[in-house]
Amino acid sequence: MTDTEESGVRYEKKGHIAYVTLDRPAVLNAMNLRMHEELARVWDDVEADDDIRVAVLTGAGDRSFSVGQDLRERSRLDGQGVPPSTFGSRGQPGWPRLTERFGLSKPVVARVNGYALGGGFELALACDLIIASDQSVFALPEATLGLVPGAGGAFRLARQVPLKIAMGYLLTGRRMSADVALRLGLVNEVVPAEELDDAVTAWTDALLCSAPLAVRAIKEAVMRSVDMPLEEAFVTPFPWEQQRRHSADAVEGPRAFAEGREPVWRGR
């Protein structure tokens, strides 16, 4: 759909799935400012297009999902006197980036093969599901570079694994294998590299079987309530749940079950 070779992003729509590819394989899909600008437009479109029900984010080539920030570009910016980055990307190109796009209502699946380092790992952590090949390697090496994992790595890793485990990886930049990531619950599935596409397809097929408004309502409720007291979560109004509750799909699911047929989702 979109030819953005210069920025290093490929964006295609097939059926109800958006495929977003970080496409700078010569530099292991390191992310520069132009890429962030294009990604912001991509995520805007994913959210706005009612025909899109799930997005798959991956990296080009067979070596890397993404190694994060383009440090050569960062070094040039430092030389030009551009202030160094910190936590968050407000005021930077592409804001809000996926790592801060808290209102994105559609599920995003990270297809990870090879390196997911620094900002690449942070991107994957911001996705709803991670399907990884057994060749994947995860790390947040910022401390070893005099930086901080400012795209959410310091916050999300400490929420998704036990604190001592998170601190060990954050403070040392130590690398994590795909098997360890699976054992820690950071990824949903690990498969041989040659089976990765089939595994991702199995997950996206399963997501497309679910009612799109129900998926959006559940994602919103989970992400907004994860740090709430349970009593508060039960009485919090969730906008996507209000849409689902009053939708034709809320009637279609039970009716299809009673009639012994597959439901036909309208998503509106």
C-alpha atoms as a PDB file:
ATOM      1  CA  MET A   1       0.000   0.000   0.000  1.00  0.00           C
ATOM      2  CA  THR A   2       2.583   2.529   1.057  1.00  0.00           C
ATOM      3  CA  ASP A   3       6.038   2.806  -0.507  1.00  0.00           C
ATOM      4  CA  THR A   4       8.275   4.283   2.177  1.00  0.00           C
ATOM      5  CA  GLU A   5      11.610   2.742   1.255  1.00  0.00           C
ATOM      6  CA  GLU A   6      13.448   5.961   2.032  1.00  0.00           C
ATOM      7  CA  SER A   7      12.209   5.979   5.628  1.00  0.00           C
ATOM      8  CA  GLY A   8      12.705   2.261   6.113  1.00  0.00           C
ATOM      9  CA  VAL A   9       9.081   1.271   6.754  1.00  0.00           C
ATOM     10  CA  ARG A  10       6.928  -1.050   4.648  1.00  0.00           C
ATOM     11  CA  TYR A  11       3.184  -1.018   5.247  1.00  0.00           C
ATOM     12  CA  GLU A  12       0.803  -3.471   3.600  1.00  0.00           C
ATOM     13  CA  LYS A  13      -2.813  -4.459   4.162  1.00  0.00           C
ATOM     14  CA  LYS A  14      -3.997  -7.971   3.424  1.00  0.00           C
ATOM     15  CA  GLY A  15      -7.580  -8.731   4.330  1.00  0.00           C
ATOM     16  CA  HIS A  16      -8.146  -7.542   7.874  1.00  0.00           C
ATOM     17  CA  ILE A  17      -4.432  -7.559   8.781  1.00  0.00           C
ATOM     18  CA  ALA A  18      -1.930  -4.694   8.592  1.00  0.00           C
ATOM     19  CA  TYR A  19       1.691  -5.735   8.141  1.00  0.00           C
ATOM     20  CA  VAL A  20       4.237  -3.191   9.368  1.00  0.00           C
ATOM     21  CA  THR A  21       7.873  -3.941   8.565  1.00  0.00           C
ATOM     22  CA  LEU A  22      10.914  -2.087   9.871  1.00  0.00           C
ATOM     23  CA  ASP A  23      12.920  -2.167   6.667  1.00  0.00           C
ATOM     24  CA  ARG A  24      16.537  -1.154   7.183  1.00  0.00           C
ATOM     25  CA  PRO A  25      18.164  -4.609   7.209  1.00  0.00           C
ATOM     26  CA  ALA A  26      21.627  -3.245   6.356  1.00  0.00           C
ATOM     27  CA  VAL A  27      21.715  -1.608   9.806  1.00  0.00           C
ATOM     28  CA  LEU A  28      19.725  -4.383  11.527  1.00  0.00           C
ATOM     29  CA  ASN A  29      16.556  -2.262  11.315  1.00  0.00           C
ATOM     30  CA  ALA A  30      17.910   0.492  13.544  1.00  0.00           C
ATOM     31  CA  MET A  31      15.304   3.224  13.885  1.00  0.00           C
ATOM     32  CA  ASN A  32      16.075   6.751  12.736  1.00  0.00           C
ATOM     33  CA  LEU A  33      13.908   9.857  13.118  1.00  0.00           C
ATOM     34  CA  ARG A  34      12.437   9.548   9.630  1.00  0.00           C
ATOM     35  CA  MET A  35      11.300   6.012  10.427  1.00  0.00           C
ATOM     36  CA  HIS A  36       9.557   7.236  13.576  1.00  0.00           C
ATOM     37  CA  GLU A  37       7.710   9.884  11.552  1.00  0.00           C
ATOM     38  CA  GLU A  38       6.450   7.297   9.077  1.00  0.00           C
ATOM     39  CA  LEU A  39       5.503   4.830  11.819  1.00  0.00           C
ATOM     40  CA  ALA A  40       3.291   7.467  13.436  1.00  0.00           C
ATOM     41  CA  ARG A  41       1.328   7.801  10.201  1.00  0.00           C
ATOM     42  CA  VAL A  42       1.090   4.024   9.950  1.00  0.00           C
ATOM     43  CA  TRP A  43      -0.338   3.615  13.456  1.00  0.00           C
ATOM     44  CA  ASP A  44      -2.795   6.464  12.810  1.00  0.00           C
ATOM     45  CA  ASP A  45      -4.033   4.574   9.761  1.00  0.00           C
ATOM     46  CA  VAL A  46      -4.231   1.227  11.566  1.00  0.00           C
ATOM     47  CA  GLU A  47      -6.469   2.769  14.212  1.00  0.00           C
ATOM     48  CA  ALA A  48      -8.654   4.685  11.747  1.00  0.00           C
ATOM     49  CA  ASP A  49      -9.277   1.884   9.228  1.00  0.00           C
ATOM     50  CA  ASP A  50     -12.259  -0.153  10.434  1.00  0.00           C
ATOM     51  CA  ASP A  51     -11.354  -2.972   8.029  1.00  0.00           C
ATOM     52  CA  ILE A  52      -8.084  -3.547   9.881  1.00  0.00           C
ATOM     53  CA  ARG A  53      -8.557  -5.718  12.936  1.00  0.00           C
ATOM     54  CA  VAL A  54      -4.985  -6.705  13.836  1.00  0.00           C
ATOM     55  CA  ALA A  55      -1.475  -5.485  13.037  1.00  0.00           C
ATOM     56  CA  VAL A  56       1.721  -7.517  12.719  1.00  0.00           C
ATOM     57  CA  LEU A  57       4.990  -5.691  13.418  1.00  0.00           C
ATOM     58  CA  THR A  58       8.264  -7.228  12.263  1.00  0.00           C
ATOM     59  CA  GLY A  59      11.738  -6.464  10.975  1.00  0.00           C
ATOM     60  CA  ALA A  60      13.122  -7.087   7.493  1.00  0.00           C
ATOM     61  CA  GLY A  61      15.723  -9.768   6.912  1.00  0.00           C
ATOM     62  CA  ASP A  62      16.598 -12.780   9.015  1.00  0.00           C
ATOM     63  CA  ARG A  63      19.026 -11.177  11.454  1.00  0.00           C
ATOM     64  CA  SER A  64      17.081  -8.595  13.400  1.00  0.00           C
ATOM     65  CA  PHE A  65      13.655  -7.393  14.509  1.00  0.00           C
ATOM     66  CA  SER A  66      15.323  -4.093  15.439  1.00  0.00           C
ATOM     67  CA  VAL A  67      18.429  -3.063  17.344  1.00  0.00           C
ATOM     68  CA  GLY A  68      16.681   0.111  18.484  1.00  0.00           C
ATOM     69  CA  GLN A  69      17.851   3.694  18.141  1.00  0.00           C
ATOM     70  CA  ASP A  70      20.169   4.519  15.247  1.00  0.00           C
ATOM     71  CA  LEU A  71      23.192   5.419  17.372  1.00  0.00           C
ATOM     72  CA  ARG A  72      25.133   6.845  14.428  1.00  0.00           C
ATOM     73  CA  GLU A  73      22.325   9.326  13.873  1.00  0.00           C
ATOM     74  CA  ARG A  74      22.236  10.012  17.620  1.00  0.00           C
ATOM     75  CA  SER A  75      25.970  10.702  17.599  1.00  0.00           C
ATOM     76  CA  ARG A  76      25.532  13.198  14.736  1.00  0.00           C
ATOM     77  CA  LEU A  77      22.696  14.916  16.615  1.00  0.00           C
ATOM     78  CA  ASP A  78      24.896  15.144  19.710  1.00  0.00           C
ATOM     79  CA  GLY A  79      27.548  16.817  17.585  1.00  0.00           C
ATOM     80  CA  GLN A  80      24.968  19.340  16.396  1.00  0.00           C
ATOM     81  CA  GLY A  81      23.997  20.199  19.937  1.00  0.00           C
ATOM     82  CA  VAL A  82      20.571  18.523  19.817  1.00  0.00           C
ATOM     83  CA  PRO A  83      19.518  17.763  23.418  1.00  0.00           C
ATOM     84  CA  PRO A  84      19.846  14.102  24.371  1.00  0.00           C
ATOM     85  CA  SER A  85      16.707  12.007  24.632  1.00  0.00           C
ATOM     86  CA  THR A  86      15.223  10.885  27.930  1.00  0.00           C
ATOM     87  CA  PHE A  87      12.109   9.001  29.000  1.00  0.00           C
ATOM     88  CA  GLY A  88       9.311   9.339  26.466  1.00  0.00           C
ATOM     89  CA  SER A  89       9.231  10.849  23.002  1.00  0.00           C
ATOM     90  CA  ARG A  90       6.997  13.889  23.473  1.00  0.00           C
ATOM     91  CA  GLY A  91       8.244  16.664  21.214  1.00  0.00           C
ATOM     92  CA  GLN A  92      10.212  14.191  19.083  1.00  0.00           C
ATOM     93  CA  PRO A  93       9.369  13.033  15.536  1.00  0.00           C
ATOM     94  CA  GLY A  94       6.663  10.392  15.471  1.00  0.00           C
ATOM     95  CA  TRP A  95       5.103  11.137  18.850  1.00  0.00           C
ATOM     96  CA  PRO A  96       3.165   9.382  20.159  1.00  0.00           C
ATOM     97  CA  ARG A  97       5.252   6.396  19.192  1.00  0.00           C
ATOM     98  CA  LEU A  98       3.868   2.891  19.634  1.00  0.00           C
ATOM     99  CA  THR A  99       5.565   2.693  23.031  1.00  0.00           C
ATOM    100  CA  GLU A 100       3.411   5.632  24.191  1.00  0.00           C
ATOM    101  CA  ARG A 101       0.319   5.100  22.041  1.00  0.00           C
ATOM    102  CA  PHE A 102      -1.803   3.989  24.958  1.00  0.00           C
ATOM    103  CA  GLY A 103      -5.078   4.496  23.089  1.00  0.00           C
ATOM    104  CA  LEU A 104      -4.354   2.097  20.208  1.00  0.00           C
ATOM    105  CA  SER A 105      -7.362  -0.189  20.457  1.00  0.00           C
ATOM    106  CA  LYS A 106      -6.394  -2.942  18.022  1.00  0.00           C
ATOM    107  CA  PRO A 107      -4.075  -5.808  18.939  1.00  0.00           C
ATOM    108  CA  VAL A 108      -0.496  -5.664  17.679  1.00  0.00           C
ATOM    109  CA  VAL A 109       1.492  -8.879  17.242  1.00  0.00           C
ATOM    110  CA  ALA A 110       5.287  -8.660  17.271  1.00  0.00           C
ATOM    111  CA  ARG A 111       6.921 -11.161  14.930  1.00  0.00           C
ATOM    112  CA  VAL A 112      10.478 -11.349  16.268  1.00  0.00           C
ATOM    113  CA  ASN A 113      13.390 -13.052  14.564  1.00  0.00           C
ATOM    114  CA  GLY A 114      16.977 -12.277  15.531  1.00  0.00           C
ATOM    115  CA  TYR A 115      17.982  -9.262  17.587  1.00  0.00           C
ATOM    116  CA  ALA A 116      15.414  -7.247  19.544  1.00  0.00           C
ATOM    117  CA  LEU A 117      17.710  -4.864  21.353  1.00  0.00           C
ATOM    118  CA  GLY A 118      17.186  -1.513  23.048  1.00  0.00           C
ATOM    119  CA  GLY A 119      14.312   0.289  21.387  1.00  0.00           C
ATOM    120  CA  GLY A 120      13.573  -2.854  19.393  1.00  0.00           C
ATOM    121  CA  PHE A 121      12.904  -4.790  22.592  1.00  0.00           C
ATOM    122  CA  GLU A 122      10.880  -1.838  23.877  1.00  0.00           C
ATOM    123  CA  LEU A 123       8.735  -1.924  20.734  1.00  0.00           C
ATOM    124  CA  ALA A 124       8.104  -5.633  21.226  1.00  0.00           C
ATOM    125  CA  LEU A 125       7.222  -5.103  24.895  1.00  0.00           C
ATOM    126  CA  ALA A 126       4.635  -2.520  23.790  1.00  0.00           C
ATOM    127  CA  CYS A 127       2.899  -5.079  21.568  1.00  0.00           C
ATOM    128  CA  ASP A 128       0.045  -7.242  22.820  1.00  0.00           C
ATOM    129  CA  LEU A 129       1.539 -10.561  21.712  1.00  0.00           C
ATOM    130  CA  ILE A 130       5.105 -11.594  20.886  1.00  0.00           C
ATOM    131  CA  ILE A 131       5.786 -14.608  18.668  1.00  0.00           C
ATOM    132  CA  ALA A 132       9.510 -15.277  18.446  1.00  0.00           C
ATOM    133  CA  SER A 133      11.860 -17.600  16.621  1.00  0.00           C
ATOM    134  CA  ASP A 134      14.316 -19.669  18.608  1.00  0.00           C
ATOM    135  CA  GLN A 135      17.055 -17.452  17.150  1.00  0.00           C
ATOM    136  CA  SER A 136      15.726 -14.332  18.864  1.00  0.00           C
ATOM    137  CA  VAL A 137      17.825 -12.404  21.367  1.00  0.00           C
ATOM    138  CA  PHE A 138      16.411  -9.716  23.657  1.00  0.00           C
ATOM    139  CA  ALA A 139      18.282  -7.051  25.633  1.00  0.00           C
ATOM    140  CA  LEU A 140      18.160  -3.495  26.955  1.00  0.00           C
ATOM    141  CA  PRO A 141      21.842  -2.465  26.699  1.00  0.00           C
ATOM    142  CA  GLU A 142      21.286   1.252  27.320  1.00  0.00           C
ATOM    143  CA  ALA A 143      23.142   1.344  30.648  1.00  0.00           C
ATOM    144  CA  THR A 144      26.302   0.109  28.912  1.00  0.00           C
ATOM    145  CA  LEU A 145      26.027   3.030  26.466  1.00  0.00           C
ATOM    146  CA  GLY A 146      25.446   5.771  29.009  1.00  0.00           C
ATOM    147  CA  LEU A 147      21.748   5.887  28.099  1.00  0.00           C
ATOM    148  CA  VAL A 148      18.425   4.847  29.640  1.00  0.00           C
ATOM    149  CA  PRO A 149      15.722   2.614  28.110  1.00  0.00           C
ATOM    150  CA  GLY A 150      13.499   5.639  27.664  1.00  0.00           C
ATOM    151  CA  ALA A 151      10.914   4.115  25.316  1.00  0.00           C
ATOM    152  CA  GLY A 152       9.287   2.243  28.164  1.00  0.00           C
ATOM    153  CA  GLY A 153      11.760  -0.573  28.733  1.00  0.00           C
ATOM    154  CA  ALA A 154      12.500   0.509  32.297  1.00  0.00           C
ATOM    155  CA  PHE A 155       8.785   0.648  33.032  1.00  0.00           C
ATOM    156  CA  ARG A 156       7.355  -2.289  31.095  1.00  0.00           C
ATOM    157  CA  LEU A 157      10.025  -4.870  31.904  1.00  0.00           C
ATOM    158  CA  ALA A 158       9.612  -4.209  35.631  1.00  0.00           C
ATOM    159  CA  ARG A 159       5.856  -4.734  35.234  1.00  0.00           C
ATOM    160  CA  GLN A 160       6.085  -7.882  33.134  1.00  0.00           C
ATOM    161  CA  VAL A 161       8.692  -9.909  35.062  1.00  0.00           C
ATOM    162  CA  PRO A 162       9.695 -10.062  38.749  1.00  0.00           C
ATOM    163  CA  LEU A 163      11.499  -6.900  39.862  1.00  0.00           C
ATOM    164  CA  LYS A 164      14.864  -8.499  40.683  1.00  0.00           C
ATOM    165  CA  ILE A 165      14.913 -10.216  37.282  1.00  0.00           C
ATOM    166  CA  ALA A 166      14.091  -6.936  35.536  1.00  0.00           C
ATOM    167  CA  MET A 167      16.758  -5.024  37.433  1.00  0.00           C
ATOM    168  CA  GLY A 168      19.367  -7.594  36.521  1.00  0.00           C
ATOM    169  CA  TYR A 169      18.726  -7.129  32.815  1.00  0.00           C
ATOM    170  CA  LEU A 170      18.227  -3.349  33.001  1.00  0.00           C
ATOM    171  CA  LEU A 171      21.359  -2.522  34.986  1.00  0.00           C
ATOM    172  CA  THR A 172      23.739  -4.806  33.096  1.00  0.00           C
ATOM    173  CA  GLY A 173      22.386  -4.928  29.542  1.00  0.00           C
ATOM    174  CA  ARG A 174      22.612  -8.704  29.770  1.00  0.00           C
ATOM    175  CA  ARG A 175      21.120 -10.593  26.817  1.00  0.00           C
ATOM    176  CA  MET A 176      18.109 -12.880  27.113  1.00  0.00           C
ATOM    177  CA  SER A 177      17.485 -15.885  24.869  1.00  0.00           C
ATOM    178  CA  ALA A 178      14.084 -16.641  23.383  1.00  0.00           C
ATOM    179  CA  ASP A 179      13.705 -19.651  25.679  1.00  0.00           C
ATOM    180  CA  VAL A 180      14.359 -17.509  28.765  1.00  0.00           C
ATOM    181  CA  ALA A 181      11.907 -14.881  27.501  1.00  0.00           C
ATOM    182  CA  LEU A 182       9.283 -17.606  27.119  1.00  0.00           C
ATOM    183  CA  ARG A 183       9.996 -18.962  30.588  1.00  0.00           C
ATOM    184  CA  LEU A 184       9.611 -15.463  32.052  1.00  0.00           C
ATOM    185  CA  GLY A 185       6.305 -14.973  30.252  1.00  0.00           C
ATOM    186  CA  LEU A 186       7.537 -12.163  28.003  1.00  0.00           C
ATOM    187  CA  VAL A 187       6.660 -13.964  24.777  1.00  0.00           C
ATOM    188  CA  ASN A 188       3.637 -16.058  23.830  1.00  0.00           C
ATOM    189  CA  GLU A 189       5.372 -18.679  21.707  1.00  0.00           C
ATOM    190  CA  VAL A 190       8.832 -19.658  20.490  1.00  0.00           C
ATOM    191  CA  VAL A 191       9.215 -21.716  17.324  1.00  0.00           C
ATOM    192  CA  PRO A 192      12.006 -22.645  14.897  1.00  0.00           C
ATOM    193  CA  ALA A 193      12.723 -19.788  12.489  1.00  0.00           C
ATOM    194  CA  GLU A 194      11.321 -21.685   9.517  1.00  0.00           C
ATOM    195  CA  GLU A 195       7.990 -22.055  11.359  1.00  0.00           C
ATOM    196  CA  LEU A 196       7.700 -18.435  12.482  1.00  0.00           C
ATOM    197  CA  ASP A 197       5.366 -17.225   9.729  1.00  0.00           C
ATOM    198  CA  ASP A 198       3.024 -20.172  10.240  1.00  0.00           C
ATOM    199  CA  ALA A 199       2.934 -19.512  13.979  1.00  0.00           C
ATOM    200  CA  VAL A 200       2.120 -15.834  13.441  1.00  0.00           C
ATOM    201  CA  THR A 201      -0.612 -16.775  10.977  1.00  0.00           C
ATOM    202  CA  ALA A 202      -2.139 -19.167  13.508  1.00  0.00           C
ATOM    203  CA  TRP A 203      -2.337 -16.346  16.050  1.00  0.00           C
ATOM    204  CA  THR A 204      -3.744 -13.788  13.616  1.00  0.00           C
ATOM    205  CA  ASP A 205      -6.315 -16.311  12.382  1.00  0.00           C
ATOM    206  CA  ALA A 206      -7.390 -16.871  15.977  1.00  0.00           C
ATOM    207  CA  LEU A 207      -7.635 -13.121  16.576  1.00  0.00           C
ATOM    208  CA  LEU A 208      -9.779 -12.691  13.469  1.00  0.00           C
ATOM    209  CA  CYS A 209     -12.189 -15.346  14.748  1.00  0.00           C
ATOM    210  CA  SER A 210     -12.914 -13.135  17.756  1.00  0.00           C
ATOM    211  CA  ALA A 211     -15.427 -10.302  17.497  1.00  0.00           C
ATOM    212  CA  PRO A 212     -13.484  -7.109  16.685  1.00  0.00           C
ATOM    213  CA  LEU A 213     -15.378  -4.917  19.148  1.00  0.00           C
ATOM    214  CA  ALA A 214     -14.956  -7.518  21.886  1.00  0.00           C
ATOM    215  CA  VAL A 215     -11.207  -7.600  21.209  1.00  0.00           C
ATOM    216  CA  ARG A 216     -10.973  -3.815  21.425  1.00  0.00           C
ATOM    217  CA  ALA A 217     -13.109  -3.694  24.567  1.00  0.00           C
ATOM    218  CA  ILE A 218     -11.040  -6.371  26.288  1.00  0.00           C
ATOM    219  CA  LYS A 219      -7.729  -4.748  25.336  1.00  0.00           C
ATOM    220  CA  GLU A 220      -8.890  -1.370  26.617  1.00  0.00           C
ATOM    221  CA  ALA A 221     -10.232  -2.808  29.870  1.00  0.00           C
ATOM    222  CA  VAL A 222      -7.106  -4.841  30.566  1.00  0.00           C
ATOM    223  CA  MET A 223      -4.604  -2.102  29.761  1.00  0.00           C
ATOM    224  CA  ARG A 224      -6.464   0.620  31.655  1.00  0.00           C
ATOM    225  CA  SER A 225      -7.243  -1.503  34.714  1.00  0.00           C
ATOM    226  CA  VAL A 226      -3.985  -3.393  35.191  1.00  0.00           C
ATOM    227  CA  ASP A 227      -2.851  -1.048  37.973  1.00  0.00           C
ATOM    228  CA  MET A 228      -6.314  -0.329  39.390  1.00  0.00           C
ATOM    229  CA  PRO A 229      -7.745  -1.805  42.557  1.00  0.00           C
ATOM    230  CA  LEU A 230     -10.102  -4.601  41.506  1.00  0.00           C
ATOM    231  CA  GLU A 231     -13.140  -2.867  42.994  1.00  0.00           C
ATOM    232  CA  GLU A 232     -12.410   0.257  40.944  1.00  0.00           C
ATOM    233  CA  ALA A 233     -11.944  -1.733  37.737  1.00  0.00           C
ATOM    234  CA  PHE A 234     -15.450  -3.180  38.003  1.00  0.00           C
ATOM    235  CA  VAL A 235     -17.083   0.266  38.075  1.00  0.00           C
ATOM    236  CA  THR A 236     -14.855   2.091  35.572  1.00  0.00           C
ATOM    237  CA  PRO A 237     -16.607   3.009  32.295  1.00  0.00           C
ATOM    238  CA  PHE A 238     -14.689   1.731  29.276  1.00  0.00           C
ATOM    239  CA  PRO A 239     -15.739   3.423  25.987  1.00  0.00           C
ATOM    240  CA  TRP A 240     -15.036   0.442  23.733  1.00  0.00           C
ATOM    241  CA  GLU A 241     -17.070  -1.784  26.049  1.00  0.00           C
ATOM    242  CA  GLN A 242     -20.008   0.609  25.720  1.00  0.00           C
ATOM    243  CA  GLN A 243     -19.751   0.313  21.936  1.00  0.00           C
ATOM    244  CA  ARG A 244     -19.503  -3.475  22.063  1.00  0.00           C
ATOM    245  CA  ARG A 245     -22.397  -3.804  24.493  1.00  0.00           C
ATOM    246  CA  HIS A 246     -24.762  -1.888  22.215  1.00  0.00           C
ATOM    247  CA  SER A 247     -23.501  -3.382  18.948  1.00  0.00           C
ATOM    248  CA  ALA A 248     -25.042  -5.901  16.578  1.00  0.00           C
ATOM    249  CA  ASP A 249     -22.077  -8.188  17.288  1.00  0.00           C
ATOM    250  CA  ALA A 250     -23.144  -8.546  20.918  1.00  0.00           C
ATOM    251  CA  VAL A 251     -26.378 -10.116  19.629  1.00  0.00           C
ATOM    252  CA  GLU A 252     -24.790 -11.989  16.734  1.00  0.00           C
ATOM    253  CA  GLY A 253     -22.462 -14.116  18.867  1.00  0.00           C
ATOM    254  CA  PRO A 254     -25.126 -15.788  21.061  1.00  0.00           C
ATOM    255  CA  ARG A 255     -27.496 -16.056  18.063  1.00  0.00           C
ATOM    256  CA  ALA A 256     -24.886 -17.801  15.918  1.00  0.00           C
ATOM    257  CA  PHE A 257     -24.129 -20.205  18.777  1.00  0.00           C
ATOM    258  CA  ALA A 258     -27.831 -21.014  19.235  1.00  0.00           C
ATOM    259  CA  GLU A 259     -28.244 -21.560  15.487  1.00  0.00           C
ATOM    260  CA  GLY A 260     -25.160 -23.761  15.231  1.00  0.00           C
ATOM    261  CA  ARG A 261     -23.296 -21.577  12.723  1.00  0.00           C
ATOM    262  CA  GLU A 262     -20.216 -19.390  12.551  1.00  0.00           C
ATOM    263  CA  PRO A 263     -20.820 -15.759  13.559  1.00  0.00           C
ATOM    264  CA  VAL A 264     -20.603 -12.985  10.984  1.00  0.00           C
ATOM    265  CA  TRP A 265     -18.974 -10.003  12.687  1.00  0.00           C
ATOM    266  CA  ARG A 266     -19.809  -6.485  11.558  1.00  0.00           C
ATOM    267  CA  GLY A 267     -17.349  -4.733  13.905  1.00  0.00           C
ATOM    268  CA  ARG A 268     -19.595  -1.708  14.261  1.00  0.00           C
END
